[in-house]
């Protein structure tokens, strides 16, 4: 995978079009991955993100224990795996092993970077107990950001083919993939 660093101040560009993400986590010798459609950038400097993680999940337990996670941005080629990780619990076994997912070690966090994704944001949670407990909402600072240079470079997405586009979850196991980019003309 031709992974390149993305400047932290530009890391919001990896999420601002609203793709589904995979939240990977690790703590005390255990790891997990879950699908999350509700993730978004929040700030530039320092860069921050928000993601909803149900408090009853293994991911929440691992994130709370470690204080960190990775937002992985999968491609259309990974849609079946995205649906699968979102449809089962890590409490029933290692989803990585069960689904044939491989990962690399992060540079700033212990949570794994899921191989084959188009982008990765290594994050450390900013503890907000009320928001986490009441709304399942986690706010985190982005410590490192990466993108597959075939799909993202110079601050822009440029998908090489239909299977290497980001995806958006609709409902009931259905997704749509990111369409063609275009520039709007300024209205006076």
C-alpha atoms as a PDB file:
ATOM      1  CA  UNK A   1       0.000   0.000   0.000  1.00  0.00           C
ATOM      2  CA  UNK A   2       1.476   3.388  -0.980  1.00  0.00           C
ATOM      3  CA  UNK A   3       0.633   5.137   2.309  1.00  0.00           C
ATOM      4  CA  UNK A   4       1.693   8.764   2.638  1.00  0.00           C
ATOM      5  CA  UNK A   5       1.466  11.167   5.562  1.00  0.00           C
ATOM      6  CA  UNK A   6      -1.241  13.814   5.402  1.00  0.00           C
ATOM      7  CA  UNK A   7      -0.455  17.122   7.160  1.00  0.00           C
ATOM      8  CA  UNK A   8      -2.462  17.220  10.387  1.00  0.00           C
ATOM      9  CA  UNK A   9      -4.017  20.591   9.544  1.00  0.00           C
ATOM     10  CA  UNK A  10      -5.405  18.973   6.364  1.00  0.00           C
ATOM     11  CA  UNK A  11      -6.539  15.685   7.941  1.00  0.00           C
ATOM     12  CA  UNK A  12     -10.169  16.891   7.984  1.00  0.00           C
ATOM     13  CA  UNK A  13     -10.172  16.448   4.188  1.00  0.00           C
ATOM     14  CA  UNK A  14     -10.099  12.679   4.697  1.00  0.00           C
ATOM     15  CA  UNK A  15     -13.531  12.751   6.386  1.00  0.00           C
ATOM     16  CA  UNK A  16     -15.354  15.911   5.344  1.00  0.00           C
ATOM     17  CA  UNK A  17     -17.268  14.154   2.551  1.00  0.00           C
ATOM     18  CA  UNK A  18     -18.894  11.828   5.089  1.00  0.00           C
ATOM     19  CA  UNK A  19     -17.583   8.317   4.340  1.00  0.00           C
ATOM     20  CA  UNK A  20     -18.299   5.327   6.520  1.00  0.00           C
ATOM     21  CA  UNK A  21     -15.352   4.449   8.766  1.00  0.00           C
ATOM     22  CA  UNK A  22     -13.959   1.447  10.540  1.00  0.00           C
ATOM     23  CA  UNK A  23     -13.042   2.197  14.140  1.00  0.00           C
ATOM     24  CA  UNK A  24     -10.168   0.001  15.254  1.00  0.00           C
ATOM     25  CA  UNK A  25      -9.068  -0.275  18.854  1.00  0.00           C
ATOM     26  CA  UNK A  26      -6.723  -2.265  21.066  1.00  0.00           C
ATOM     27  CA  UNK A  27      -6.161  -2.618  24.796  1.00  0.00           C
ATOM     28  CA  UNK A  28      -4.710  -5.206  27.168  1.00  0.00           C
ATOM     29  CA  UNK A  29      -3.852  -7.692  24.414  1.00  0.00           C
ATOM     30  CA  UNK A  30      -7.257  -7.505  22.735  1.00  0.00           C
ATOM     31  CA  UNK A  31      -8.189  -5.735  19.502  1.00  0.00           C
ATOM     32  CA  UNK A  32     -11.413  -4.985  17.690  1.00  0.00           C
ATOM     33  CA  UNK A  33     -12.861  -3.235  14.683  1.00  0.00           C
ATOM     34  CA  UNK A  34     -16.370  -1.881  14.159  1.00  0.00           C
ATOM     35  CA  UNK A  35     -18.154   0.060  11.434  1.00  0.00           C
ATOM     36  CA  UNK A  36     -19.206   3.645  12.172  1.00  0.00           C
ATOM     37  CA  UNK A  37     -21.224   5.791   9.797  1.00  0.00           C
ATOM     38  CA  UNK A  38     -21.290   8.710  12.245  1.00  0.00           C
ATOM     39  CA  UNK A  39     -17.764  10.126  12.208  1.00  0.00           C
ATOM     40  CA  UNK A  40     -16.747  13.642  11.276  1.00  0.00           C
ATOM     41  CA  UNK A  41     -13.963  16.224  11.466  1.00  0.00           C
ATOM     42  CA  UNK A  42     -14.355  18.946  14.105  1.00  0.00           C
ATOM     43  CA  UNK A  43     -11.373  21.276  14.028  1.00  0.00           C
ATOM     44  CA  UNK A  44      -8.119  22.143  12.257  1.00  0.00           C
ATOM     45  CA  UNK A  45      -5.511  23.045  14.871  1.00  0.00           C
ATOM     46  CA  UNK A  46      -5.186  20.816  16.657  1.00  0.00           C
ATOM     47  CA  UNK A  47      -7.249  18.580  14.394  1.00  0.00           C
ATOM     48  CA  UNK A  48     -10.157  16.865  16.103  1.00  0.00           C
ATOM     49  CA  UNK A  49     -12.791  14.323  15.113  1.00  0.00           C
ATOM     50  CA  UNK A  50     -16.036  13.049  16.593  1.00  0.00           C
ATOM     51  CA  UNK A  51     -17.399   9.514  16.349  1.00  0.00           C
ATOM     52  CA  UNK A  52     -20.363   7.713  17.886  1.00  0.00           C
ATOM     53  CA  UNK A  53     -19.414   4.445  19.628  1.00  0.00           C
ATOM     54  CA  UNK A  54     -22.189   2.628  21.500  1.00  0.00           C
ATOM     55  CA  UNK A  55     -21.208   2.338  25.154  1.00  0.00           C
ATOM     56  CA  UNK A  56     -22.212  -1.354  25.212  1.00  0.00           C
ATOM     57  CA  UNK A  57     -19.686  -2.435  22.570  1.00  0.00           C
ATOM     58  CA  UNK A  58     -16.294  -4.041  22.942  1.00  0.00           C
ATOM     59  CA  UNK A  59     -14.879  -1.108  20.966  1.00  0.00           C
ATOM     60  CA  UNK A  60     -16.092   1.325  23.645  1.00  0.00           C
ATOM     61  CA  UNK A  61     -14.468  -0.800  26.368  1.00  0.00           C
ATOM     62  CA  UNK A  62     -11.161  -0.909  24.457  1.00  0.00           C
ATOM     63  CA  UNK A  63     -11.240   2.812  23.602  1.00  0.00           C
ATOM     64  CA  UNK A  64     -12.054   3.714  27.195  1.00  0.00           C
ATOM     65  CA  UNK A  65      -9.228   1.476  28.418  1.00  0.00           C
ATOM     66  CA  UNK A  66      -6.582   2.710  25.973  1.00  0.00           C
ATOM     67  CA  UNK A  67      -7.758   6.266  25.360  1.00  0.00           C
ATOM     68  CA  UNK A  68      -7.182   5.892  21.615  1.00  0.00           C
ATOM     69  CA  UNK A  69      -8.515   4.519  18.336  1.00  0.00           C
ATOM     70  CA  UNK A  70      -7.978   4.683  14.575  1.00  0.00           C
ATOM     71  CA  UNK A  71     -10.562   5.887  12.063  1.00  0.00           C
ATOM     72  CA  UNK A  72      -9.960   3.824   8.931  1.00  0.00           C
ATOM     73  CA  UNK A  73     -11.644   4.926   5.678  1.00  0.00           C
ATOM     74  CA  UNK A  74     -12.515   1.788   3.664  1.00  0.00           C
ATOM     75  CA  UNK A  75     -13.066   1.488  -0.080  1.00  0.00           C
ATOM     76  CA  UNK A  76     -15.955   0.067  -2.069  1.00  0.00           C
ATOM     77  CA  UNK A  77     -13.877  -3.093  -2.516  1.00  0.00           C
ATOM     78  CA  UNK A  78     -14.194  -3.602   1.261  1.00  0.00           C
ATOM     79  CA  UNK A  79     -17.987  -3.091   1.523  1.00  0.00           C
ATOM     80  CA  UNK A  80     -18.683  -6.747   2.384  1.00  0.00           C
ATOM     81  CA  UNK A  81     -16.137  -6.620   5.217  1.00  0.00           C
ATOM     82  CA  UNK A  82     -17.538  -3.280   6.429  1.00  0.00           C
ATOM     83  CA  UNK A  83     -21.029  -4.784   6.631  1.00  0.00           C
ATOM     84  CA  UNK A  84     -19.650  -7.879   8.361  1.00  0.00           C
ATOM     85  CA  UNK A  85     -17.713  -5.987  11.073  1.00  0.00           C
ATOM     86  CA  UNK A  86     -20.815  -3.874  11.683  1.00  0.00           C
ATOM     87  CA  UNK A  87     -23.048  -6.937  11.999  1.00  0.00           C
ATOM     88  CA  UNK A  88     -21.237  -8.950  14.666  1.00  0.00           C
ATOM     89  CA  UNK A  89     -19.704  -8.376  18.074  1.00  0.00           C
ATOM     90  CA  UNK A  90     -16.029  -8.588  18.910  1.00  0.00           C
ATOM     91  CA  UNK A  91     -17.114 -10.169  22.194  1.00  0.00           C
ATOM     92  CA  UNK A  92     -17.861 -13.318  20.146  1.00  0.00           C
ATOM     93  CA  UNK A  93     -14.290 -13.585  18.811  1.00  0.00           C
ATOM     94  CA  UNK A  94     -11.520 -11.797  16.940  1.00  0.00           C
ATOM     95  CA  UNK A  95     -13.152 -10.067  13.950  1.00  0.00           C
ATOM     96  CA  UNK A  96      -9.775  -9.595  12.274  1.00  0.00           C
ATOM     97  CA  UNK A  97      -9.148 -13.335  12.220  1.00  0.00           C
ATOM     98  CA  UNK A  98     -12.746 -14.288  11.418  1.00  0.00           C
ATOM     99  CA  UNK A  99     -12.992 -11.901   8.455  1.00  0.00           C
ATOM    100  CA  UNK A 100      -9.437 -12.221   7.142  1.00  0.00           C
ATOM    101  CA  UNK A 101      -8.570  -8.612   7.962  1.00  0.00           C
ATOM    102  CA  UNK A 102      -4.928  -7.691   8.342  1.00  0.00           C
ATOM    103  CA  UNK A 103      -3.506  -4.590   9.960  1.00  0.00           C
ATOM    104  CA  UNK A 104      -0.387  -2.589  10.586  1.00  0.00           C
ATOM    105  CA  UNK A 105       0.766  -0.979  13.792  1.00  0.00           C
ATOM    106  CA  UNK A 106       0.088   2.735  14.148  1.00  0.00           C
ATOM    107  CA  UNK A 107       2.863   5.253  14.624  1.00  0.00           C
ATOM    108  CA  UNK A 108       1.184   7.163  17.460  1.00  0.00           C
ATOM    109  CA  UNK A 109      -1.340   4.692  18.902  1.00  0.00           C
ATOM    110  CA  UNK A 110      -1.495   0.961  19.617  1.00  0.00           C
ATOM    111  CA  UNK A 111      -4.787   0.552  17.735  1.00  0.00           C
ATOM    112  CA  UNK A 112      -4.328  -1.195  14.378  1.00  0.00           C
ATOM    113  CA  UNK A 113      -4.512   0.432  10.927  1.00  0.00           C
ATOM    114  CA  UNK A 114      -6.728  -1.816   8.785  1.00  0.00           C
ATOM    115  CA  UNK A 115      -4.946  -2.843   5.578  1.00  0.00           C
ATOM    116  CA  UNK A 116      -6.576  -2.014   2.266  1.00  0.00           C
ATOM    117  CA  UNK A 117      -8.260   1.149   3.459  1.00  0.00           C
ATOM    118  CA  UNK A 118      -7.848   4.466   1.664  1.00  0.00           C
ATOM    119  CA  UNK A 119      -7.081   6.623   4.719  1.00  0.00           C
ATOM    120  CA  UNK A 120      -6.260   6.319   8.420  1.00  0.00           C
ATOM    121  CA  UNK A 121      -6.478   8.804  11.309  1.00  0.00           C
ATOM    122  CA  UNK A 122      -4.699   7.851  14.542  1.00  0.00           C
ATOM    123  CA  UNK A 123      -6.614   9.458  17.407  1.00  0.00           C
ATOM    124  CA  UNK A 124      -6.374  10.045  21.171  1.00  0.00           C
ATOM    125  CA  UNK A 125      -9.660  10.670  22.982  1.00  0.00           C
ATOM    126  CA  UNK A 126     -10.305  13.948  24.746  1.00  0.00           C
ATOM    127  CA  UNK A 127     -12.232  12.706  27.786  1.00  0.00           C
ATOM    128  CA  UNK A 128     -15.740  14.131  27.918  1.00  0.00           C
ATOM    129  CA  UNK A 129     -17.446  11.716  30.325  1.00  0.00           C
ATOM    130  CA  UNK A 130     -20.882  13.326  30.004  1.00  0.00           C
ATOM    131  CA  UNK A 131     -20.913  13.166  26.183  1.00  0.00           C
ATOM    132  CA  UNK A 132     -19.488   9.637  26.127  1.00  0.00           C
ATOM    133  CA  UNK A 133     -21.939   8.269  28.696  1.00  0.00           C
ATOM    134  CA  UNK A 134     -25.031  10.203  27.603  1.00  0.00           C
ATOM    135  CA  UNK A 135     -24.625  10.364  23.826  1.00  0.00           C
ATOM    136  CA  UNK A 136     -21.979   7.691  23.031  1.00  0.00           C
ATOM    137  CA  UNK A 137     -20.049  10.595  21.465  1.00  0.00           C
ATOM    138  CA  UNK A 138     -16.256  10.517  21.488  1.00  0.00           C
ATOM    139  CA  UNK A 139     -14.185  13.576  20.650  1.00  0.00           C
ATOM    140  CA  UNK A 140     -10.542  12.920  19.821  1.00  0.00           C
ATOM    141  CA  UNK A 141      -7.417  14.700  18.671  1.00  0.00           C
ATOM    142  CA  UNK A 142      -5.847  13.424  15.462  1.00  0.00           C
ATOM    143  CA  UNK A 143      -2.196  12.533  16.156  1.00  0.00           C
ATOM    144  CA  UNK A 144      -1.281  11.191  12.703  1.00  0.00           C
ATOM    145  CA  UNK A 145      -3.069  10.985   9.360  1.00  0.00           C
ATOM    146  CA  UNK A 146      -2.310   8.824   6.351  1.00  0.00           C
ATOM    147  CA  UNK A 147      -3.778   8.223   2.907  1.00  0.00           C
ATOM    148  CA  UNK A 148      -3.259   5.861   0.017  1.00  0.00           C
ATOM    149  CA  UNK A 149      -1.466   8.100  -2.479  1.00  0.00           C
ATOM    150  CA  UNK A 150      -3.289   6.418  -5.370  1.00  0.00           C
ATOM    151  CA  UNK A 151      -6.590   7.817  -4.060  1.00  0.00           C
ATOM    152  CA  UNK A 152      -5.598  10.970  -2.119  1.00  0.00           C
ATOM    153  CA  UNK A 153      -2.771  13.440  -2.682  1.00  0.00           C
ATOM    154  CA  UNK A 154      -2.223  17.194  -2.668  1.00  0.00           C
ATOM    155  CA  UNK A 155      -5.240  17.570  -0.392  1.00  0.00           C
ATOM    156  CA  UNK A 156      -7.693  16.007  -2.857  1.00  0.00           C
ATOM    157  CA  UNK A 157      -9.431  12.696  -3.431  1.00  0.00           C
ATOM    158  CA  UNK A 158      -8.877  11.321  -6.947  1.00  0.00           C
ATOM    159  CA  UNK A 159     -10.199   7.800  -7.025  1.00  0.00           C
ATOM    160  CA  UNK A 160      -8.319   5.541  -9.482  1.00  0.00           C
ATOM    161  CA  UNK A 161     -11.300   3.268 -10.192  1.00  0.00           C
ATOM    162  CA  UNK A 162     -14.832   2.456  -9.044  1.00  0.00           C
ATOM    163  CA  UNK A 163     -13.718  -0.098  -6.429  1.00  0.00           C
ATOM    164  CA  UNK A 164     -11.275   2.366  -4.853  1.00  0.00           C
ATOM    165  CA  UNK A 165     -13.895   4.991  -3.947  1.00  0.00           C
ATOM    166  CA  UNK A 166     -15.000   5.732  -0.400  1.00  0.00           C
ATOM    167  CA  UNK A 167     -18.418   4.463   0.619  1.00  0.00           C
ATOM    168  CA  UNK A 168     -21.402   5.826   2.525  1.00  0.00           C
ATOM    169  CA  UNK A 169     -23.788   3.661   4.522  1.00  0.00           C
ATOM    170  CA  UNK A 170     -27.481   4.133   3.792  1.00  0.00           C
ATOM    171  CA  UNK A 171     -29.278   1.400   5.813  1.00  0.00           C
ATOM    172  CA  UNK A 172     -30.283  -2.233   5.600  1.00  0.00           C
ATOM    173  CA  UNK A 173     -26.909  -3.351   4.270  1.00  0.00           C
ATOM    174  CA  UNK A 174     -26.884  -0.830   1.408  1.00  0.00           C
ATOM    175  CA  UNK A 175     -24.168   1.662   0.565  1.00  0.00           C
ATOM    176  CA  UNK A 176     -23.419   4.149  -2.151  1.00  0.00           C
ATOM    177  CA  UNK A 177     -19.971   5.099  -3.319  1.00  0.00           C
ATOM    178  CA  UNK A 178     -18.546   8.585  -3.601  1.00  0.00           C
ATOM    179  CA  UNK A 179     -19.269  10.122  -6.967  1.00  0.00           C
ATOM    180  CA  UNK A 180     -17.322  12.335  -9.291  1.00  0.00           C
ATOM    181  CA  UNK A 181     -15.868  15.567  -7.935  1.00  0.00           C
ATOM    182  CA  UNK A 182     -16.723  18.842  -9.642  1.00  0.00           C
ATOM    183  CA  UNK A 183     -16.110  22.528  -8.995  1.00  0.00           C
ATOM    184  CA  UNK A 184     -18.977  24.979  -8.621  1.00  0.00           C
ATOM    185  CA  UNK A 185     -18.809  28.450 -10.102  1.00  0.00           C
ATOM    186  CA  UNK A 186     -18.869  31.442  -7.794  1.00  0.00           C
ATOM    187  CA  UNK A 187     -22.218  33.231  -7.692  1.00  0.00           C
ATOM    188  CA  UNK A 188     -22.012  36.989  -7.379  1.00  0.00           C
END
